[in-house]
């Protein structure tokens, strides 16, 4: 996994200046502007990861129970990272 993280981190670092410039140009606040990236990574026969593409708006449509499980957890993790918590009403339902 560390080699995959390395590819993702280097990709984000490579585009940081572009994103920072656009955030400033648009007058956005870095602390209230979020983006979810979808990384497509191919692993070769030596287990080396290769970046295929980065999706700026990855699909969150669910076409199977596994898809639903993975993507719903992704959304929950994303909300947790930016500090959005379940409402009291939602906690009572779960």
Protein backbone atom coordinates (compact mmCIF):
# COMPACT_ATOMS: atom_id res chain seq x y z
CA UNK A 1 0.00 0.00 0.00
CA UNK A 2 2.84 2.40 0.69
CA UNK A 3 3.81 2.46 -2.99
CA UNK A 4 0.23 3.34 -3.96
CA UNK A 5 0.13 6.11 -1.33
CA UNK A 6 3.42 7.39 -2.75
CA UNK A 7 1.94 7.66 -6.27
CA UNK A 8 -1.15 9.46 -4.95
CA UNK A 9 0.84 11.85 -2.76
CA UNK A 10 3.24 12.78 -5.58
CA UNK A 11 0.29 13.40 -7.90
CA UNK A 12 -1.38 15.73 -5.41
CA UNK A 13 1.88 17.58 -4.78
CA UNK A 14 2.36 18.02 -8.54
CA UNK A 15 -0.97 19.84 -8.91
CA UNK A 16 -0.99 21.74 -5.61
CA UNK A 17 0.18 25.04 -7.11
CA UNK A 18 -2.52 24.94 -9.80
CA UNK A 19 -5.25 24.23 -7.27
CA UNK A 20 -3.97 26.91 -4.86
CA UNK A 21 -3.86 29.47 -7.67
CA UNK A 22 -7.41 28.63 -8.77
CA UNK A 23 -8.72 28.82 -5.21
CA UNK A 24 -7.19 32.29 -4.81
CA UNK A 25 -8.37 33.44 -8.25
CA UNK A 26 -11.94 32.39 -7.48
CA UNK A 27 -11.83 34.02 -4.03
CA UNK A 28 -12.53 30.74 -2.23
CA UNK A 29 -11.44 29.88 1.28
CA UNK A 30 -9.07 26.88 1.40
CA UNK A 31 -10.75 25.67 4.59
CA UNK A 32 -14.24 25.52 3.09
CA UNK A 33 -13.48 24.15 -0.37
CA UNK A 34 -13.17 20.39 -0.87
CA UNK A 35 -12.66 18.05 -3.81
CA UNK A 36 -12.95 14.28 -4.01
CA UNK A 37 -10.48 12.73 -6.45
CA UNK A 38 -10.75 9.25 -7.93
CA UNK A 39 -7.39 7.64 -8.63
CA UNK A 40 -7.22 4.80 -11.15
CA UNK A 41 -4.09 2.80 -10.44
CA UNK A 42 -2.88 -0.25 -12.34
CA UNK A 43 -0.69 -2.77 -10.54
CA UNK A 44 1.71 -4.71 -12.78
CA UNK A 45 3.06 -8.25 -12.36
CA UNK A 46 5.86 -6.97 -10.10
CA UNK A 47 3.28 -5.19 -7.91
CA UNK A 48 4.44 -1.76 -9.09
CA UNK A 49 1.60 0.79 -9.12
CA UNK A 50 1.08 2.91 -12.25
CA UNK A 51 -1.17 5.96 -12.31
CA UNK A 52 -3.69 5.61 -15.15
CA UNK A 53 -5.80 8.71 -14.52
CA UNK A 54 -7.24 10.99 -11.88
CA UNK A 55 -10.97 11.68 -11.98
CA UNK A 56 -12.03 15.07 -10.67
CA UNK A 57 -15.64 13.93 -10.25
CA UNK A 58 -15.64 10.18 -9.63
CA UNK A 59 -18.96 8.41 -9.95
CA UNK A 60 -20.71 7.71 -6.68
CA UNK A 61 -23.50 5.73 -8.35
CA UNK A 62 -24.00 2.31 -6.80
CA UNK A 63 -24.63 -0.66 -9.06
CA UNK A 64 -24.17 -3.50 -6.56
CA UNK A 65 -24.28 -4.11 -2.80
CA UNK A 66 -20.46 -4.09 -2.70
CA UNK A 67 -20.41 -0.80 -4.60
CA UNK A 68 -22.90 0.66 -2.12
CA UNK A 69 -20.86 -0.54 0.86
CA UNK A 70 -17.60 0.93 -0.43
CA UNK A 71 -19.00 4.24 -1.63
CA UNK A 72 -21.21 4.90 1.40
CA UNK A 73 -18.19 4.39 3.67
CA UNK A 74 -16.17 6.71 1.41
CA UNK A 75 -18.81 9.42 1.79
CA UNK A 76 -18.91 8.94 5.58
CA UNK A 77 -15.11 9.13 5.78
CA UNK A 78 -15.10 12.27 3.62
CA UNK A 79 -17.67 13.97 5.84
CA UNK A 80 -15.71 12.98 8.96
CA UNK A 81 -12.51 14.44 7.49
CA UNK A 82 -14.13 17.83 6.92
CA UNK A 83 -15.86 17.82 10.31
CA UNK A 84 -19.46 17.06 9.39
CA UNK A 85 -21.05 14.75 11.95
CA UNK A 86 -24.28 12.79 12.00
CA UNK A 87 -27.20 14.73 13.37
CA UNK A 88 -28.78 13.57 16.61
CA UNK A 89 -31.82 12.41 14.63
CA UNK A 90 -29.68 10.30 12.29
CA UNK A 91 -27.85 8.76 15.27
CA UNK A 92 -31.18 7.74 16.79
CA UNK A 93 -32.12 5.91 13.57
CA UNK A 94 -28.88 3.90 13.40
